[in-house]
Amino acid sequence: MEGVIHTITIEDCKKFSATAIDSVDAFSAAQIVLSYSGGRITVTGSGLKIVAFSKGSGAFAATGTVASVKYSAKGLKFAQKLFK
């Protein structure tokens, strides 16, 4: 899904949805890690539960208490930066 614009919606800190998601890399009741074309999105909170994910459409939805959302951009790995 390279070059696709993604969206994130948080409703009352209880529902989280996103579009253009490539994969779910990790999940627990406290943290969900998603990949999209620009890098990773880490959602932290409590009682997090994935309620929908479609790899084909990139639609993702979760419920629970959302405390934070963090973006991590794609880039060179640390060792690659050192020896470039």
C-alpha atoms as a PDB file:
ATOM      1  CA  MET A   1       0.000   0.000   0.000  1.00  0.00           C
ATOM      2  CA  GLU A   2       2.842   2.362  -0.792  1.00  0.00           C
ATOM      3  CA  GLY A   3       1.765   5.981  -1.205  1.00  0.00           C
ATOM      4  CA  VAL A   4      -1.717   5.416   0.217  1.00  0.00           C
ATOM      5  CA  ILE A   5      -2.955   8.086   2.608  1.00  0.00           C
ATOM      6  CA  HIS A   6      -3.984   6.616   5.944  1.00  0.00           C
ATOM      7  CA  THR A   7      -6.377   7.862   8.592  1.00  0.00           C
ATOM      8  CA  ILE A   8      -6.670   7.314  12.323  1.00  0.00           C
ATOM      9  CA  THR A   9      -9.801   7.894  14.368  1.00  0.00           C
ATOM     10  CA  ILE A  10     -10.071   7.734  18.156  1.00  0.00           C
ATOM     11  CA  GLU A  11     -13.585   7.941  19.596  1.00  0.00           C
ATOM     12  CA  ASP A  12     -13.832   9.015  23.243  1.00  0.00           C
ATOM     13  CA  CYS A  13     -10.535   7.179  23.985  1.00  0.00           C
ATOM     14  CA  LYS A  14     -12.520   3.917  23.746  1.00  0.00           C
ATOM     15  CA  LYS A  15     -12.503   3.033  20.025  1.00  0.00           C
ATOM     16  CA  PHE A  16      -9.530   3.197  17.667  1.00  0.00           C
ATOM     17  CA  SER A  17      -9.719   2.729  13.909  1.00  0.00           C
ATOM     18  CA  ALA A  18      -7.208   3.159  11.105  1.00  0.00           C
ATOM     19  CA  THR A  19      -6.998   2.721   7.350  1.00  0.00           C
ATOM     20  CA  ALA A  20      -4.141   1.695   5.027  1.00  0.00           C
ATOM     21  CA  ILE A  21      -2.653  -0.683   7.616  1.00  0.00           C
ATOM     22  CA  ASP A  22      -0.317  -3.316   6.139  1.00  0.00           C
ATOM     23  CA  SER A  23      -0.009  -5.633   9.148  1.00  0.00           C
ATOM     24  CA  VAL A  24      -0.466  -6.119  12.870  1.00  0.00           C
ATOM     25  CA  ASP A  25       3.067  -6.733  14.164  1.00  0.00           C
ATOM     26  CA  ALA A  26       2.275  -7.315  17.852  1.00  0.00           C
ATOM     27  CA  PHE A  27      -0.655  -7.042  20.202  1.00  0.00           C
ATOM     28  CA  SER A  28      -1.577  -7.421  23.840  1.00  0.00           C
ATOM     29  CA  ALA A  29      -4.149  -5.876  26.164  1.00  0.00           C
ATOM     30  CA  ALA A  30      -1.662  -3.033  26.808  1.00  0.00           C
ATOM     31  CA  GLN A  31      -0.139  -2.398  23.356  1.00  0.00           C
ATOM     32  CA  ILE A  32      -0.844  -2.845  19.638  1.00  0.00           C
ATOM     33  CA  VAL A  33       1.878  -2.345  17.007  1.00  0.00           C
ATOM     34  CA  LEU A  34       0.752  -1.730  13.415  1.00  0.00           C
ATOM     35  CA  SER A  35       2.732  -1.300  10.191  1.00  0.00           C
ATOM     36  CA  TYR A  36       1.768   1.086   7.408  1.00  0.00           C
ATOM     37  CA  SER A  37       3.652   2.340   4.357  1.00  0.00           C
ATOM     38  CA  GLY A  38       5.395   5.113   6.331  1.00  0.00           C
ATOM     39  CA  GLY A  39       6.550   3.021   9.288  1.00  0.00           C
ATOM     40  CA  ARG A  40       4.896   1.848  12.495  1.00  0.00           C
ATOM     41  CA  ILE A  41       2.097   3.001  14.757  1.00  0.00           C
ATOM     42  CA  THR A  42       2.149   1.943  18.417  1.00  0.00           C
ATOM     43  CA  VAL A  43      -1.086   2.232  20.377  1.00  0.00           C
ATOM     44  CA  THR A  44      -0.851   1.871  24.159  1.00  0.00           C
ATOM     45  CA  GLY A  45      -3.590   1.686  26.730  1.00  0.00           C
ATOM     46  CA  SER A  46      -5.523  -0.892  28.713  1.00  0.00           C
ATOM     47  CA  GLY A  47      -8.022  -3.565  27.805  1.00  0.00           C
ATOM     48  CA  LEU A  48      -7.105  -3.236  24.123  1.00  0.00           C
ATOM     49  CA  LYS A  49      -8.821  -5.763  21.873  1.00  0.00           C
ATOM     50  CA  ILE A  50      -8.641  -6.063  18.086  1.00  0.00           C
ATOM     51  CA  VAL A  51     -12.182  -6.248  16.716  1.00  0.00           C
ATOM     52  CA  ALA A  52     -11.418  -6.084  12.968  1.00  0.00           C
ATOM     53  CA  PHE A  53      -8.500  -6.223  10.555  1.00  0.00           C
ATOM     54  CA  SER A  54      -8.621  -6.702   6.793  1.00  0.00           C
ATOM     55  CA  LYS A  55      -5.241  -7.067   5.125  1.00  0.00           C
ATOM     56  CA  GLY A  56      -6.875  -6.591   1.724  1.00  0.00           C
ATOM     57  CA  SER A  57      -8.490  -3.230   2.475  1.00  0.00           C
ATOM     58  CA  GLY A  58      -6.116  -2.164   5.267  1.00  0.00           C
ATOM     59  CA  ALA A  59      -9.016  -1.440   7.630  1.00  0.00           C
ATOM     60  CA  PHE A  60      -8.252  -1.911  11.336  1.00  0.00           C
ATOM     61  CA  ALA A  61     -10.382  -1.437  14.462  1.00  0.00           C
ATOM     62  CA  ALA A  62      -9.807  -1.956  18.181  1.00  0.00           C
ATOM     63  CA  THR A  63     -11.604  -1.212  21.429  1.00  0.00           C
ATOM     64  CA  GLY A  64     -10.294  -0.476  24.909  1.00  0.00           C
ATOM     65  CA  THR A  65      -8.883   2.565  26.671  1.00  0.00           C
ATOM     66  CA  VAL A  66      -6.399   4.358  24.388  1.00  0.00           C
ATOM     67  CA  ALA A  67      -3.684   6.210  26.336  1.00  0.00           C
ATOM     68  CA  SER A  68      -1.259   7.106  23.519  1.00  0.00           C
ATOM     69  CA  VAL A  69      -0.535   6.740  19.823  1.00  0.00           C
ATOM     70  CA  LYS A  70       3.084   6.928  18.625  1.00  0.00           C
ATOM     71  CA  TYR A  71       4.380   7.091  15.063  1.00  0.00           C
ATOM     72  CA  SER A  72       7.788   5.631  14.177  1.00  0.00           C
ATOM     73  CA  ALA A  73       8.975   6.486  10.675  1.00  0.00           C
ATOM     74  CA  LYS A  74      10.712   4.018   8.419  1.00  0.00           C
ATOM     75  CA  GLY A  75      14.388   4.661   8.162  1.00  0.00           C
ATOM     76  CA  LEU A  76      17.818   3.201   8.222  1.00  0.00           C
ATOM     77  CA  LYS A  77      18.697   0.791  10.975  1.00  0.00           C
ATOM     78  CA  PHE A  78      21.101   2.065  13.621  1.00  0.00           C
ATOM     79  CA  ALA A  79      24.068   0.059  12.298  1.00  0.00           C
ATOM     80  CA  GLN A  80      23.387   1.262   8.748  1.00  0.00           C
ATOM     81  CA  LYS A  81      23.475   4.869   9.937  1.00  0.00           C
ATOM     82  CA  LEU A  82      26.835   4.333  11.664  1.00  0.00           C
ATOM     83  CA  PHE A  83      28.561   2.827   8.659  1.00  0.00           C
ATOM     84  CA  LYS A  84      27.004   4.882   5.885  1.00  0.00           C
END
